[in-house]
Amino acid sequence: MNFPAHWFPLPFQLAADALCLLLFAAALRPALPVLRQHRRAALTGLLLAALCWSLRAAPTGGLLEGISYHLLGIGLLSLMVGIPAAFCLSALLLVPYVWLWQGTADLPVVGLQIVAGVVPPLLCVALAKRLVRRLPRNLFIYIFINGFFAAAAGVVLSAAATGLLFYGAGVFPLPILLGSVLPVFFLIAWGEAFLTGLLTAIFIALVPQLITTFSDADYLRPKPRQIWK
């Protein structure tokens, strides 16, 4: 979701920007080797994220004017290059994105948009990966949990984070948040899940080198036949 900077007090913006700078500094070191080694995957994921963000829907008037909704693409990007690299690429992409779509006046809100739209889906991807490690090495499980489930859960968690920001800053009263602002995220979650799962499956089948977090040895290695047990 995109929102204007004047909705939030300056301390909100400064705190979010400082937090995101610390997270970026922490993620940059593990991200750099991945970005150097998998440049094609990083570029493809960055282009797909930019495409998802450009598919925007925004109310043209009324109380919700100034909000725009879009797909996230963060879950797919994290499967392609890993969580640290996905965070760094998303943070870097958000600066020109906000400047292009909202203007320079809204650049201070980049940190809040990262907190609400980038961190939650990455947390869901991290939890999904931990869950997948405990399950049998099955291709369907990998695609469903890391693709469909994590993507949908990421949008829902992003909705919760956005709602907390709006409520804490007094942007919308609770009835408007629950009745008009947040329900749209549940519709977006279905599209996000379908797109992420579908592209994950296509990439694994046709260009598995784009999904750097996927291991052929773990999921596609033929099992030895056992005659005697």
Protein backbone atom coordinates (compact mmCIF):
# COMPACT_ATOMS: atom_id res chain seq x y z
CA MET A 1 0.00 0.00 0.00
CA ASN A 2 1.10 3.58 -0.68
CA PHE A 3 0.06 6.52 1.46
CA PRO A 4 1.05 10.19 1.73
CA ALA A 5 3.60 11.42 4.23
CA HIS A 6 1.43 14.20 5.68
CA TRP A 7 -0.80 11.59 7.34
CA PHE A 8 1.92 10.72 9.84
CA PRO A 9 3.71 12.84 12.44
CA LEU A 10 7.40 13.47 11.88
CA PRO A 11 8.51 11.23 14.81
CA PHE A 12 6.73 8.27 13.17
CA GLN A 13 8.58 8.88 9.94
CA LEU A 14 11.99 9.42 11.54
CA ALA A 15 11.68 6.32 13.72
CA ALA A 16 10.70 4.16 10.74
CA ASP A 17 13.49 5.57 8.58
CA ALA A 18 16.08 4.94 11.32
CA LEU A 19 14.84 1.38 11.84
CA CYS A 20 14.98 0.66 8.11
CA LEU A 21 18.52 2.03 7.83
CA LEU A 22 19.63 -0.32 10.62
CA LEU A 23 17.89 -3.27 8.96
CA PHE A 24 19.40 -2.36 5.60
CA ALA A 25 22.90 -2.18 7.10
CA ALA A 26 22.40 -5.59 8.75
CA ALA A 27 21.03 -7.21 5.57
CA LEU A 28 23.56 -5.72 3.17
CA ARG A 29 26.51 -7.88 4.18
CA PRO A 30 24.81 -11.27 3.56
CA ALA A 31 23.00 -9.85 0.53
CA LEU A 32 26.05 -8.69 -1.44
CA PRO A 33 27.50 -12.16 -2.21
CA VAL A 34 24.09 -13.36 -3.38
CA LEU A 35 23.58 -10.33 -5.61
CA ARG A 36 27.04 -10.79 -7.15
CA GLN A 37 26.58 -14.50 -7.75
CA HIS A 38 22.95 -14.43 -8.94
CA ARG A 39 22.67 -11.21 -10.90
CA ARG A 40 20.14 -12.61 -13.35
CA ALA A 41 17.81 -13.75 -10.57
CA ALA A 42 18.20 -10.41 -8.77
CA LEU A 43 17.43 -8.39 -11.90
CA THR A 44 14.46 -10.57 -12.85
CA GLY A 45 13.05 -10.40 -9.32
CA LEU A 46 13.52 -6.65 -9.20
CA LEU A 47 11.66 -6.21 -12.49
CA LEU A 48 8.81 -8.44 -11.30
CA ALA A 49 8.52 -6.49 -8.05
CA ALA A 50 8.45 -3.22 -9.97
CA LEU A 51 5.71 -4.64 -12.21
CA CYS A 52 3.65 -5.74 -9.19
CA TRP A 53 3.96 -2.31 -7.59
CA SER A 54 2.98 -0.55 -10.80
CA LEU A 55 -0.34 -2.44 -10.93
CA ARG A 56 -2.01 0.06 -8.65
CA ALA A 57 -5.63 0.70 -7.73
CA ALA A 58 -6.49 3.92 -5.92
CA PRO A 59 -9.75 5.59 -4.84
CA THR A 60 -10.25 8.82 -6.77
CA GLY A 61 -12.14 10.62 -4.04
CA GLY A 62 -13.74 10.42 -0.65
CA LEU A 63 -12.20 9.60 2.70
CA LEU A 64 -9.76 7.06 1.24
CA GLU A 65 -8.27 9.38 -1.35
CA GLY A 66 -4.49 9.24 -1.18
CA ILE A 67 -4.34 5.46 -0.66
CA SER A 68 -3.26 3.11 -3.42
CA TYR A 69 -3.22 -0.69 -3.29
CA HIS A 70 -0.92 -2.97 -5.25
CA LEU A 71 0.52 -6.47 -5.27
CA LEU A 72 3.68 -6.90 -3.21
CA GLY A 73 5.84 -9.46 -5.03
CA ILE A 74 8.10 -9.61 -1.95
CA GLY A 75 7.58 -13.32 -1.32
CA LEU A 76 8.60 -14.24 -4.85
CA LEU A 77 11.62 -11.94 -4.70
CA SER A 78 12.77 -13.55 -1.44
CA LEU A 79 12.50 -17.03 -2.97
CA MET A 80 14.61 -15.86 -5.89
CA VAL A 81 17.45 -14.19 -3.98
CA GLY A 82 16.91 -14.86 -0.27
CA ILE A 83 15.50 -12.68 2.48
CA PRO A 84 18.45 -10.28 3.06
CA ALA A 85 18.88 -9.52 -0.64
CA ALA A 86 15.12 -9.18 -1.10
CA PHE A 87 14.98 -6.61 1.69
CA CYS A 88 17.85 -4.58 0.22
CA LEU A 89 16.43 -4.64 -3.30
CA SER A 90 12.94 -3.69 -2.11
CA ALA A 91 14.26 -0.82 0.01
CA LEU A 92 16.34 0.52 -2.88
CA LEU A 93 13.43 0.17 -5.30
CA LEU A 94 11.01 2.00 -3.00
CA VAL A 95 12.96 5.27 -3.16
CA PRO A 96 12.55 5.87 -6.93
CA TYR A 97 9.11 4.28 -6.81
CA VAL A 98 7.78 6.75 -4.22
CA TRP A 99 9.49 9.63 -6.02
CA LEU A 100 7.93 8.62 -9.34
CA TRP A 101 4.39 7.83 -8.18
CA GLN A 102 3.96 10.17 -5.20
CA GLY A 103 6.55 12.92 -5.53
CA THR A 104 9.52 14.12 -3.54
CA ALA A 105 7.28 15.40 -0.72
CA ASP A 106 6.43 11.80 0.20
CA LEU A 107 9.98 10.45 0.25
CA PRO A 108 10.16 10.65 4.09
CA VAL A 109 7.40 8.01 4.24
CA VAL A 110 9.59 5.35 2.57
CA GLY A 111 10.55 3.92 5.95
CA LEU A 112 6.93 3.48 6.98
CA GLN A 113 6.12 1.81 3.69
CA ILE A 114 9.00 -0.62 4.23
CA VAL A 115 7.77 -1.37 7.75
CA ALA A 116 4.21 -1.96 6.53
CA GLY A 117 4.78 -3.53 3.11
CA VAL A 118 8.19 -5.21 3.03
CA VAL A 119 9.03 -6.48 6.52
CA PRO A 120 5.74 -8.40 7.15
CA PRO A 121 5.90 -10.59 4.01
CA LEU A 122 9.59 -11.30 4.64
CA LEU A 123 8.73 -12.45 8.16
CA CYS A 124 6.11 -14.79 6.72
CA VAL A 125 8.64 -16.19 4.24
CA ALA A 126 11.11 -16.81 7.08
CA LEU A 127 8.45 -18.65 9.10
CA ALA A 128 7.39 -20.66 6.04
CA LYS A 129 10.99 -21.75 5.42
CA ARG A 130 11.32 -22.95 9.00
CA LEU A 131 8.09 -24.91 8.59
CA VAL A 132 9.20 -26.46 5.29
CA ARG A 133 12.45 -27.69 6.89
CA ARG A 134 10.38 -29.78 9.32
CA LEU A 135 8.27 -31.34 6.56
CA PRO A 136 9.17 -34.03 4.01
CA ARG A 137 11.22 -32.89 1.01
CA ASN A 138 8.33 -32.64 -1.42
CA LEU A 139 8.10 -30.26 -4.37
CA PHE A 140 4.41 -29.59 -3.83
CA ILE A 141 5.05 -28.71 -0.17
CA TYR A 142 7.83 -26.31 -1.16
CA ILE A 143 5.68 -24.48 -3.72
CA PHE A 144 2.50 -24.43 -1.64
CA ILE A 145 4.04 -23.34 1.68
CA ASN A 146 6.73 -20.97 0.38
CA GLY A 147 4.70 -19.75 -2.57
CA PHE A 148 0.95 -19.73 -2.02
CA PHE A 149 0.69 -19.77 1.77
CA ALA A 150 3.56 -17.42 2.63
CA ALA A 151 2.50 -14.90 -0.02
CA ALA A 152 -1.10 -14.76 1.20
CA ALA A 153 -0.04 -14.60 4.85
CA GLY A 154 2.40 -11.81 3.99
CA VAL A 155 -0.37 -9.64 2.58
CA VAL A 156 -2.58 -10.28 5.61
CA LEU A 157 0.26 -9.42 8.00
CA SER A 158 1.00 -6.33 5.94
CA ALA A 159 -2.65 -5.34 6.37
CA ALA A 160 -2.30 -5.70 10.14
CA ALA A 161 0.87 -3.59 10.17
CA THR A 162 -0.75 -0.93 8.00
CA GLY A 163 -3.84 -0.86 10.19
CA LEU A 164 -1.72 -0.40 13.31
CA LEU A 165 0.16 2.48 11.68
CA PHE A 166 -3.05 4.19 10.60
CA TYR A 167 -4.72 3.68 13.96
CA GLY A 168 -1.67 4.76 15.95
CA ALA A 169 -1.28 7.93 13.90
CA GLY A 170 -5.00 8.68 14.07
CA VAL A 171 -5.37 8.62 10.28
CA PHE A 172 -8.63 6.63 10.27
CA PRO A 173 -11.06 5.67 13.03
CA LEU A 174 -11.36 1.97 13.77
CA PRO A 175 -14.73 1.44 11.98
CA ILE A 176 -13.35 2.90 8.73
CA LEU A 177 -10.20 0.79 9.02
CA LEU A 178 -12.11 -2.44 9.56
CA GLY A 179 -14.90 -1.69 7.13
CA SER A 180 -13.20 0.03 4.20
CA VAL A 181 -9.40 0.13 4.34
CA LEU A 182 -8.30 -3.35 5.42
CA PRO A 183 -10.80 -5.69 3.68
CA VAL A 184 -9.17 -4.92 0.31
CA PHE A 185 -6.04 -6.70 1.50
CA PHE A 186 -7.90 -10.01 1.73
CA LEU A 187 -8.78 -9.74 -1.96
CA ILE A 188 -5.19 -8.85 -2.83
CA ALA A 189 -3.96 -11.86 -0.82
CA TRP A 190 -5.61 -14.27 -3.26
CA GLY A 191 -3.96 -12.64 -6.27
CA GLU A 192 -0.62 -12.47 -4.48
CA ALA A 193 -0.78 -16.15 -3.54
CA PHE A 194 -1.78 -17.27 -7.03
CA LEU A 195 0.87 -15.17 -8.79
CA THR A 196 3.70 -16.16 -6.41
CA GLY A 197 2.84 -19.85 -6.44
CA LEU A 198 2.37 -19.96 -10.20
CA LEU A 199 5.62 -18.16 -11.02
CA THR A 200 7.52 -20.22 -8.46
CA ALA A 201 6.30 -23.42 -10.11
CA ILE A 202 7.09 -22.12 -13.62
CA PHE A 203 10.57 -20.97 -12.66
CA ILE A 204 11.40 -24.27 -10.93
CA ALA A 205 10.23 -26.20 -13.99
CA LEU A 206 11.84 -24.05 -16.70
CA VAL A 207 14.58 -21.87 -15.17
CA PRO A 208 15.35 -23.25 -11.69
CA GLN A 209 18.47 -21.08 -11.46
CA LEU A 210 16.16 -18.10 -10.86
CA ILE A 211 14.92 -19.62 -7.58
CA THR A 212 18.22 -19.62 -5.72
CA THR A 213 16.63 -20.85 -2.48
CA PHE A 214 15.48 -24.05 -4.21
CA SER A 215 17.80 -27.07 -4.19
CA ASP A 216 17.51 -29.68 -6.92
CA ALA A 217 19.47 -32.11 -4.76
CA ASP A 218 16.89 -31.93 -1.97
CA TYR A 219 13.68 -32.04 -3.97
CA LEU A 220 14.40 -33.65 -7.34
CA ARG A 221 17.03 -36.24 -6.49
CA PRO A 222 15.70 -39.72 -7.36
CA LYS A 223 15.25 -41.99 -4.40
CA PRO A 224 17.22 -45.27 -4.51
CA ARG A 225 15.15 -48.35 -5.08
CA GLN A 226 15.03 -50.68 -2.16
CA ILE A 227 14.39 -54.32 -2.93
CA TRP A 228 15.15 -55.69 0.52
CA LYS A 229 13.91 -53.89 3.60
